[in-house]
Amino acid sequence: MIDSEFIFNLGRNYGFIGNNAITDEGLEKFIQEYSAHVINRRKAIAEHLTNDSLFRTFIPWRNGVFGAAFQVHWYYDEILTYDPIEMHLSTTVASDESKREDFKQTLKGIYNNLLPFEAIISSGQLLFISANEYSYEDANKEAYSSIIKEDKAIARELLLKVGMAKLEGNPGGSYTVRTSYRSTESLIPIINDVEALRNDDGKFSLMMPLAGNNEILKVEDLERMGILDKVAGDLADTVWVELYELTCAMNEGAIYNAPALLNQKLDELVINNWRSTLPIGKAEAQIDFELTLPYVDGIDPERLAELRASMPNIFKDFRNYLNDVRRDIQSKSKSNTEFKEKIESHIRKEFRRIDTEMQSATRKFRLLTVGVPIVCNMGGLLFSQYGSILEAMAISDGVSLPFTVKGAVDLKNVKDRVKTEDLYFLWKAQQ
């Protein structure tokens, strides 16, 4: 059994949660107990992941990973990502007192960031796993670099991910471009110092981080000056690690039977256009959730989670339907563009049909019940049978009670039938 509550119980015991002082002895005990927990968890997870009935996804280690997990937790049974505490403990605890204090405060900061997600972590819905080590030396550097050099769209996205470039010198002659790179973003938690790249002619170099008050050039500026392709090509031999890490993320998900949830335009471009070039075998990226985005945008994920809990079977039918229709349309599509157009059109059409049917039934009910006199005990009887149907009924003279009963019965029949529709959960979420 995986005891995820242990993470927070241990943090409270040794002062990493709350205002109690953190002693050196407490830190040592914490490290020992948490390390033992990690060993036991690895064994338990190996057995747990043989359960194929759970709908799970793997979120690669990126900025905002926990925010992303919170946004999608209503949709998945289980979300896997790396354990930030284990990663921090894997660094050496310095003997220097000030650095040791920094180590404690960083650990305390990690706990503070985890607290808002305590409920989904303790329940095991957000499940921590140990990070695998990957070696850049084993990667096919030339293959990844060639993708960047050949695909301008990918090169542009990589430069946007890099951030900004600083041009030094005369654009008409010799110049140097310096870029801020990999200071915050990484798919896998490996601390890797990217070596400076300098061409034989010395024109371009990759530096981190940027310093000074010189004017910063954005990607659009490089494009305007006509040197975007040149910069992207010259940096390809360094920024290829981004594509390598994307490959690692997909393969990592496959290990855990959990398609990787990828949410950047760069991911989409690489997977859609260069999948056959990448060493990812049958590894999948999770795209089912994306199909819900136009319909749940702006809705609190907690409300969606509560709605799921209130109608678990309807939710499962909805999610299974998305998976089935996605696979069916994907198998019949000649390109990814065709697939996206077909599936989005299909879902819009089905969603609109449900919405039209419910609106029509509601309008008919209102027409039948405008001005109906209701005696208290009969109204109470109708209310108990048909839920909140009579809540908004106006009370005045003009229409007989049988019309009221018929309108209520018709609306209830439509609601009962619509509940059997595959996209009912999605429709209900918008109400």
Protein backbone atom coordinates (compact mmCIF):
# COMPACT_ATOMS: atom_id res chain seq x y z
CA MET A 1 0.00 0.00 0.00
CA ILE A 2 1.23 3.51 -0.88
CA ASP A 3 0.94 5.77 2.17
CA SER A 4 0.89 9.27 0.66
CA GLU A 5 -0.34 10.85 3.91
CA PHE A 6 3.05 9.98 5.36
CA ILE A 7 4.61 12.84 3.37
CA PHE A 8 2.71 15.49 5.31
CA ASN A 9 2.71 13.70 8.66
CA LEU A 10 6.51 13.49 8.57
CA GLY A 11 6.82 17.14 7.53
CA ARG A 12 4.72 18.22 10.51
CA ASN A 13 6.62 15.99 12.91
CA TYR A 14 9.96 17.63 12.12
CA GLY A 15 8.87 21.23 11.69
CA PHE A 16 8.87 21.56 7.90
CA ILE A 17 5.18 22.40 8.12
CA GLY A 18 4.31 25.01 10.71
CA ASN A 19 6.43 27.38 12.78
CA ASN A 20 8.47 24.95 14.88
CA ALA A 21 12.26 25.14 14.76
CA ILE A 22 14.05 22.63 12.52
CA THR A 23 17.03 21.10 14.31
CA ASP A 24 19.99 19.38 12.67
CA GLU A 25 19.01 16.19 14.46
CA GLY A 26 15.46 16.54 13.18
CA LEU A 27 16.73 17.01 9.63
CA GLU A 28 18.84 13.85 9.85
CA LYS A 29 15.91 11.82 11.15
CA PHE A 30 13.64 13.28 8.49
CA ILE A 31 16.09 12.27 5.75
CA GLN A 32 16.39 8.74 7.12
CA GLU A 33 12.64 8.21 7.45
CA TYR A 34 11.78 9.78 4.11
CA SER A 35 14.47 7.76 2.34
CA ALA A 36 12.99 4.58 3.81
CA HIS A 37 9.56 5.74 2.63
CA VAL A 38 10.90 6.19 -0.91
CA ILE A 39 12.32 2.65 -0.97
CA ASN A 40 9.02 1.17 0.24
CA ARG A 41 7.05 3.34 -2.19
CA ARG A 42 9.06 2.12 -5.18
CA LYS A 43 8.16 -1.47 -4.35
CA ALA A 44 4.51 -0.62 -3.76
CA ILE A 45 4.23 1.39 -6.98
CA ALA A 46 5.70 -1.44 -9.06
CA GLU A 47 2.83 -3.63 -7.86
CA HIS A 48 0.22 -0.87 -7.95
CA LEU A 49 0.86 0.04 -11.58
CA THR A 50 -0.15 -3.43 -12.71
CA ASN A 51 -3.72 -2.19 -12.13
CA ASP A 52 -4.75 -1.23 -15.66
CA SER A 53 -8.29 -0.22 -14.71
CA LEU A 54 -7.22 3.25 -13.55
CA PHE A 55 -7.24 6.14 -15.99
CA ARG A 56 -3.90 7.80 -15.33
CA THR A 57 -1.49 10.29 -16.84
CA PHE A 58 2.11 11.30 -16.27
CA ILE A 59 2.94 15.02 -16.01
CA PRO A 60 6.59 15.72 -16.83
CA TRP A 61 8.62 17.89 -14.49
CA ARG A 62 8.05 21.44 -15.67
CA ASN A 63 7.31 24.81 -14.18
CA GLY A 64 3.75 24.80 -12.85
CA VAL A 65 3.55 21.01 -12.66
CA PHE A 66 1.33 21.09 -9.56
CA GLY A 67 -0.88 23.81 -10.97
CA ALA A 68 -1.35 21.63 -14.05
CA ALA A 69 -2.17 18.64 -11.84
CA PHE A 70 -4.81 20.67 -9.99
CA GLN A 71 -6.38 21.83 -13.26
CA VAL A 72 -6.81 18.25 -14.55
CA HIS A 73 -7.35 16.24 -11.36
CA TRP A 74 -11.11 16.09 -11.93
CA TYR A 75 -10.54 14.15 -15.16
CA TYR A 76 -8.00 11.49 -14.12
CA ASP A 77 -8.13 8.69 -11.57
CA GLU A 78 -4.42 9.08 -10.98
CA ILE A 79 -1.73 11.61 -11.89
CA LEU A 80 1.95 10.67 -11.70
CA THR A 81 4.82 13.11 -11.36
CA TYR A 82 8.24 13.27 -9.76
CA ASP A 83 8.68 13.66 -6.02
CA PRO A 84 10.18 17.11 -5.34
CA ILE A 85 11.17 16.16 -1.79
CA GLU A 86 13.09 13.11 -2.95
CA MET A 87 14.81 15.20 -5.62
CA HIS A 88 15.87 17.77 -3.03
CA LEU A 89 17.13 15.10 -0.64
CA SER A 90 19.25 13.65 -3.45
CA THR A 91 21.45 16.74 -3.29
CA THR A 92 24.26 16.74 -0.74
CA VAL A 93 23.52 18.22 2.66
CA ALA A 94 26.35 20.70 3.16
CA SER A 95 28.43 20.63 6.32
CA ASP A 96 28.66 24.43 6.21
CA GLU A 97 26.10 25.79 8.70
CA SER A 98 24.69 28.54 6.47
CA LYS A 99 24.28 26.19 3.51
CA ARG A 100 22.70 23.63 5.79
CA GLU A 101 20.17 26.26 6.85
CA ASP A 102 19.46 26.98 3.19
CA PHE A 103 18.85 23.27 2.65
CA LYS A 104 16.29 23.26 5.48
CA GLN A 105 14.53 26.38 4.25
CA THR A 106 14.34 25.04 0.69
CA LEU A 107 12.75 21.87 2.03
CA LYS A 108 10.32 23.96 4.07
CA GLY A 109 9.53 25.96 0.92
CA ILE A 110 8.78 22.75 -0.99
CA TYR A 111 6.30 21.75 1.71
CA ASN A 112 4.66 25.18 1.59
CA ASN A 113 4.16 24.74 -2.14
CA LEU A 114 2.70 21.27 -1.65
CA LEU A 115 0.21 22.23 1.07
CA PRO A 116 -2.49 23.57 -1.31
CA PHE A 117 -2.47 20.14 -2.97
CA GLU A 118 -2.44 18.09 0.24
CA ALA A 119 -5.90 16.61 -0.38
CA ILE A 120 -5.14 15.14 -3.81
CA ILE A 121 -1.65 14.02 -2.73
CA SER A 122 -2.78 12.37 0.50
CA SER A 123 -5.62 10.58 -1.30
CA GLY A 124 -3.11 9.15 -3.78
CA GLN A 125 -4.73 10.84 -6.76
CA LEU A 126 -1.52 12.81 -7.30
CA LEU A 127 1.08 10.11 -6.88
CA PHE A 128 4.79 10.79 -6.51
CA ILE A 129 7.30 8.58 -8.27
CA SER A 130 11.09 8.54 -8.33
CA ALA A 131 12.81 10.37 -11.17
CA ASN A 132 14.75 8.24 -13.61
CA GLU A 133 18.21 9.34 -14.63
CA TYR A 134 18.88 10.00 -18.29
CA SER A 135 22.23 10.51 -19.92
CA TYR A 136 22.63 13.14 -22.61
CA GLU A 137 25.62 11.19 -23.87
CA ASP A 138 23.32 8.33 -24.91
CA ALA A 139 21.09 10.58 -27.02
CA ASN A 140 21.28 10.88 -30.79
CA LYS A 141 22.29 14.52 -30.78
CA GLU A 142 22.54 14.78 -34.57
CA ALA A 143 18.99 13.50 -35.13
CA TYR A 144 17.46 16.07 -32.77
CA SER A 145 19.61 18.90 -34.15
CA SER A 146 18.56 18.09 -37.71
CA ILE A 147 14.88 18.39 -36.77
CA ILE A 148 15.50 21.91 -35.47
CA LYS A 149 17.45 22.90 -38.56
CA GLU A 150 14.82 21.51 -40.93
CA ASP A 151 11.64 22.65 -39.18
CA LYS A 152 11.29 26.43 -38.90
CA ALA A 153 8.16 26.19 -36.73
CA ILE A 154 9.98 24.07 -34.17
CA ALA A 155 13.03 26.34 -34.30
CA ARG A 156 10.80 29.35 -33.61
CA GLU A 157 9.13 27.66 -30.64
CA LEU A 158 12.49 26.66 -29.20
CA LEU A 159 13.77 30.22 -29.45
CA LEU A 160 10.58 31.44 -27.77
CA LYS A 161 11.22 28.86 -25.05
CA VAL A 162 14.81 30.05 -24.81
CA GLY A 163 13.33 33.46 -24.20
CA MET A 164 15.32 36.37 -25.55
CA ALA A 165 18.42 37.04 -27.57
CA LYS A 166 20.87 39.88 -27.23
CA LEU A 167 22.63 41.12 -30.33
CA GLU A 168 26.09 42.57 -29.98
CA GLY A 169 27.96 44.25 -32.78
CA ASN A 170 26.95 45.48 -36.23
CA PRO A 171 24.10 43.54 -37.89
CA GLY A 172 25.67 44.32 -41.26
CA GLY A 173 28.95 42.77 -40.30
CA SER A 174 30.28 40.65 -37.46
CA TYR A 175 27.92 40.18 -34.52
CA THR A 176 27.23 37.91 -31.57
CA VAL A 177 23.87 36.64 -30.30
CA ARG A 178 23.59 35.72 -26.67
CA THR A 179 20.52 33.90 -25.37
CA SER A 180 19.15 33.15 -21.93
CA TYR A 181 18.53 29.41 -21.90
CA ARG A 182 17.27 26.67 -19.59
CA SER A 183 17.28 28.81 -16.48
CA THR A 184 13.84 27.59 -15.39
CA GLU A 185 12.42 25.06 -17.85
CA SER A 186 13.28 21.39 -17.96
CA LEU A 187 11.21 18.31 -18.60
CA ILE A 188 13.29 16.05 -16.42
CA PRO A 189 14.92 17.19 -13.18
CA ILE A 190 18.55 16.96 -14.21
CA ILE A 191 20.87 19.81 -13.37
CA ASN A 192 22.81 20.21 -16.57
CA ASP A 193 25.25 23.00 -17.34
CA VAL A 194 24.86 23.80 -21.00
CA GLU A 195 28.24 24.59 -22.47
CA ALA A 196 28.67 27.78 -24.45
CA LEU A 197 28.47 27.29 -28.17
CA ARG A 198 30.69 29.28 -30.47
CA ASN A 199 30.96 28.79 -34.22
CA ASP A 200 34.32 28.70 -35.96
CA ASP A 201 33.79 32.28 -37.10
CA GLY A 202 32.98 33.32 -33.54
CA LYS A 203 29.71 35.01 -34.47
CA PHE A 204 27.31 33.21 -32.17
CA SER A 205 27.58 32.11 -28.58
CA LEU A 206 25.15 30.73 -26.02
CA MET A 207 25.47 32.31 -22.60
CA MET A 208 23.56 31.85 -19.35
CA PRO A 209 22.33 33.84 -17.64
CA LEU A 210 22.01 37.23 -19.33
CA ALA A 211 23.61 40.12 -17.51
CA GLY A 212 23.89 43.87 -17.98
CA ASN A 213 21.53 46.53 -19.27
CA ASN A 214 22.01 46.04 -23.00
CA GLU A 215 18.98 46.06 -25.24
CA ILE A 216 17.21 42.70 -25.34
CA LEU A 217 16.03 41.35 -28.70
CA LYS A 218 12.97 39.14 -28.93
CA VAL A 219 12.45 36.39 -31.48
CA GLU A 220 10.33 38.75 -33.56
CA ASP A 221 13.30 41.12 -33.76
CA LEU A 222 15.56 38.37 -35.05
CA GLU A 223 12.96 37.51 -37.66
CA ARG A 224 12.61 41.15 -38.72
CA MET A 225 16.38 41.42 -39.11
CA GLY A 226 16.42 38.27 -41.25
CA ILE A 227 18.66 36.26 -38.95
CA LEU A 228 16.11 34.04 -37.16
CA ASP A 229 16.88 30.93 -39.22
CA LYS A 230 20.61 31.52 -38.86
CA VAL A 231 20.37 31.86 -35.08
CA ALA A 232 18.12 28.80 -34.77
CA GLY A 233 20.44 26.73 -36.95
CA ASP A 234 23.53 27.75 -35.04
CA LEU A 235 21.89 27.03 -31.70
CA ALA A 236 20.47 23.66 -32.79
CA ASP A 237 23.53 21.82 -31.52
CA THR A 238 22.71 23.01 -28.01
CA VAL A 239 18.92 23.36 -27.75
CA TRP A 240 18.45 19.81 -29.08
CA VAL A 241 18.29 18.72 -25.43
CA GLU A 242 14.72 20.09 -25.29
CA LEU A 243 13.60 17.54 -27.87
CA TYR A 244 15.54 14.80 -26.15
CA GLU A 245 13.81 15.53 -22.86
CA LEU A 246 10.41 15.50 -24.58
CA THR A 247 11.25 12.02 -25.85
CA CYS A 248 12.29 10.96 -22.34
CA ALA A 249 9.00 12.26 -20.91
CA MET A 250 6.92 10.19 -23.33
CA ASN A 251 8.97 7.06 -22.70
CA GLU A 252 8.71 7.65 -18.96
CA GLY A 253 4.93 7.69 -19.19
CA ALA A 254 4.97 4.44 -21.14
CA ILE A 255 6.94 2.78 -18.34
CA TYR A 256 4.12 3.58 -15.91
CA ASN A 257 1.26 2.86 -18.32
CA ALA A 258 0.43 6.56 -18.15
CA PRO A 259 0.46 8.61 -21.38
CA ALA A 260 2.37 11.86 -20.85
CA LEU A 261 0.26 15.01 -20.52
CA LEU A 262 2.02 17.54 -22.73
CA ASN A 263 0.73 21.09 -22.93
CA GLN A 264 3.10 23.17 -24.99
CA LYS A 265 2.92 24.09 -28.65
CA LEU A 266 6.45 22.76 -29.07
CA ASP A 267 5.27 19.33 -27.87
CA GLU A 268 2.46 19.27 -30.39
CA LEU A 269 4.67 20.31 -33.30
CA VAL A 270 7.32 17.70 -32.54
CA ILE A 271 4.94 14.80 -31.91
CA ASN A 272 2.64 15.54 -34.83
CA ASN A 273 5.33 16.11 -37.43
CA TRP A 274 8.35 14.11 -36.28
CA ARG A 275 6.98 11.17 -34.30
CA SER A 276 8.47 8.59 -36.67
CA THR A 277 11.90 10.19 -36.26
CA LEU A 278 11.87 10.05 -32.46
CA PRO A 279 12.80 6.91 -30.50
CA ILE A 280 9.47 6.71 -28.66
CA GLY A 281 8.08 3.41 -29.94
CA LYS A 282 4.43 3.10 -28.90
CA ALA A 283 4.65 5.76 -26.20
CA GLU A 284 1.60 8.01 -26.23
CA ALA A 285 0.81 11.57 -25.36
CA GLN A 286 -2.42 12.24 -23.51
CA ILE A 287 -4.83 14.23 -25.68
CA ASP A 288 -8.29 13.17 -24.50
CA PHE A 289 -8.35 15.86 -21.82
CA GLU A 290 -7.68 18.54 -24.45
CA LEU A 291 -11.02 17.75 -26.07
CA THR A 292 -12.83 19.04 -22.99
CA LEU A 293 -11.00 22.38 -22.82
CA PRO A 294 -13.40 24.49 -24.93
CA TYR A 295 -16.25 23.39 -22.64
CA VAL A 296 -14.66 23.64 -19.18
CA ASP A 297 -12.60 26.79 -19.67
CA GLY A 298 -13.18 29.09 -16.70
CA ILE A 299 -14.92 26.43 -14.58
CA ASP A 300 -13.35 25.81 -11.17
CA PRO A 301 -11.66 22.36 -11.22
CA GLU A 302 -13.07 21.76 -7.72
CA ARG A 303 -16.61 22.18 -9.07
CA LEU A 304 -15.83 19.67 -11.82
CA ALA A 305 -14.43 17.26 -9.21
CA GLU A 306 -17.58 17.64 -7.09
CA LEU A 307 -19.77 17.09 -10.15
CA ARG A 308 -17.80 13.95 -10.98
CA ALA A 309 -18.28 12.67 -7.42
CA SER A 310 -22.03 13.29 -7.64
CA MET A 311 -22.43 11.25 -10.84
CA PRO A 312 -19.50 8.79 -11.02
CA ASN A 313 -21.06 6.40 -13.54
CA ILE A 314 -22.15 9.18 -15.88
CA PHE A 315 -18.64 10.64 -15.69
CA LYS A 316 -16.98 7.30 -16.52
CA ASP A 317 -19.29 6.84 -19.50
CA PHE A 318 -18.37 10.31 -20.71
CA ARG A 319 -14.63 9.71 -20.38
CA ASN A 320 -14.81 6.29 -22.02
CA TYR A 321 -16.77 7.82 -24.87
CA LEU A 322 -14.08 10.45 -25.48
CA ASN A 323 -11.42 7.77 -25.54
CA ASP A 324 -13.39 5.55 -27.94
CA VAL A 325 -14.38 8.29 -30.36
CA ARG A 326 -10.85 9.66 -30.37
CA ARG A 327 -9.40 6.27 -31.30
CA ASP A 328 -12.04 5.67 -33.96
CA ILE A 329 -11.63 9.04 -35.70
CA GLN A 330 -7.86 8.91 -35.37
CA SER A 331 -7.73 5.55 -37.16
CA LYS A 332 -9.74 6.99 -40.07
CA SER A 333 -7.82 10.26 -40.42
CA LYS A 334 -4.99 10.72 -42.90
CA SER A 335 -3.33 13.55 -40.99
CA ASN A 336 -3.31 15.10 -37.56
CA THR A 337 -4.97 18.24 -38.93
CA GLU A 338 -7.79 16.18 -40.40
CA PHE A 339 -8.15 14.28 -37.12
CA LYS A 340 -8.41 17.43 -35.02
CA GLU A 341 -10.97 18.99 -37.34
CA LYS A 342 -13.11 15.86 -37.43
CA ILE A 343 -13.11 15.17 -33.71
CA GLU A 344 -13.75 18.76 -32.70
CA SER A 345 -16.60 18.95 -35.20
CA HIS A 346 -18.04 15.68 -33.90
CA ILE A 347 -17.99 16.79 -30.26
CA ARG A 348 -19.43 20.23 -31.07
CA LYS A 349 -22.27 18.62 -33.02
CA GLU A 350 -23.16 16.19 -30.22
CA PHE A 351 -22.88 18.85 -27.55
CA ARG A 352 -25.07 21.26 -29.52
CA ARG A 353 -27.72 18.54 -30.02
CA ILE A 354 -27.99 17.94 -26.26
CA ASP A 355 -28.12 21.64 -25.51
CA THR A 356 -30.81 22.27 -28.16
CA GLU A 357 -32.97 19.42 -26.86
CA MET A 358 -32.78 20.66 -23.27
CA GLN A 359 -33.51 24.26 -24.22
CA SER A 360 -36.48 23.20 -26.34
CA ALA A 361 -37.95 21.09 -23.52
CA THR A 362 -37.44 23.90 -21.00
CA ARG A 363 -39.14 26.46 -23.28
CA LYS A 364 -42.08 24.11 -23.82
CA PHE A 365 -42.41 23.59 -20.07
CA ARG A 366 -42.45 27.32 -19.44
CA LEU A 367 -45.10 27.90 -22.10
CA LEU A 368 -47.35 25.25 -20.54
CA THR A 369 -46.92 26.54 -16.99
CA VAL A 370 -47.12 30.33 -17.35
CA GLY A 371 -49.83 31.61 -15.02
CA VAL A 372 -50.71 28.29 -13.35
CA PRO A 373 -52.43 28.40 -9.92
CA ILE A 374 -50.90 25.83 -7.56
CA VAL A 375 -52.41 24.72 -4.28
CA CYS A 376 -49.77 24.24 -1.61
CA ASN A 377 -50.14 20.52 -0.95
CA MET A 378 -50.28 19.62 -4.67
CA GLY A 379 -47.32 21.85 -5.40
CA GLY A 380 -45.38 20.09 -2.67
CA LEU A 381 -46.25 16.73 -4.18
CA LEU A 382 -45.09 17.79 -7.62
CA PHE A 383 -41.90 19.24 -6.18
CA SER A 384 -41.04 16.03 -4.39
CA GLN A 385 -41.52 14.05 -7.60
CA TYR A 386 -39.80 16.33 -10.05
CA GLY A 387 -37.02 17.94 -8.03
CA SER A 388 -36.50 21.61 -8.71
CA ILE A 389 -38.77 21.71 -11.76
CA LEU A 390 -41.40 23.90 -10.09
CA GLU A 391 -38.97 26.30 -8.46
CA ALA A 392 -39.29 29.01 -11.07
CA MET A 393 -43.03 28.66 -11.83
CA ALA A 394 -45.07 31.84 -11.75
CA ILE A 395 -48.32 31.70 -9.73
CA SER A 396 -51.33 33.42 -11.29
CA ASP A 397 -54.65 32.58 -12.94
CA GLY A 398 -55.08 31.33 -16.47
CA VAL A 399 -53.98 27.71 -17.08
CA SER A 400 -55.28 24.49 -15.57
CA LEU A 401 -53.18 22.21 -13.34
CA PRO A 402 -53.11 19.22 -15.76
CA PHE A 403 -50.98 21.30 -18.17
CA THR A 404 -48.56 21.89 -15.32
CA VAL A 405 -48.30 18.17 -14.60
CA LYS A 406 -47.83 17.33 -18.28
CA GLY A 407 -45.13 20.00 -18.70
CA ALA A 408 -43.30 18.74 -15.62
CA VAL A 409 -43.52 15.12 -16.75
CA ASP A 410 -42.32 15.94 -20.28
CA LEU A 411 -39.35 17.92 -18.99
CA LYS A 412 -38.41 15.20 -16.54
CA ASN A 413 -38.55 12.59 -19.31
CA VAL A 414 -36.24 14.68 -21.48
CA LYS A 415 -33.82 15.21 -18.58
CA ASP A 416 -33.78 11.49 -17.79
CA ARG A 417 -33.10 10.64 -21.43
CA VAL A 418 -30.39 13.29 -21.84
CA LYS A 419 -28.59 11.86 -18.80
CA THR A 420 -27.90 8.78 -20.89
CA GLU A 421 -26.11 10.84 -23.54
CA ASP A 422 -22.34 10.36 -23.70
CA LEU A 423 -21.60 14.08 -23.36
CA TYR A 424 -24.14 14.80 -20.62
CA PHE A 425 -21.41 15.36 -18.03
CA LEU A 426 -19.79 18.01 -20.21
CA TRP A 427 -23.14 19.71 -20.78
CA LYS A 428 -24.00 19.63 -17.08
CA ALA A 429 -20.66 21.22 -16.19
CA GLN A 430 -21.63 24.35 -18.09
CA GLN A 431 -24.97 24.81 -16.34
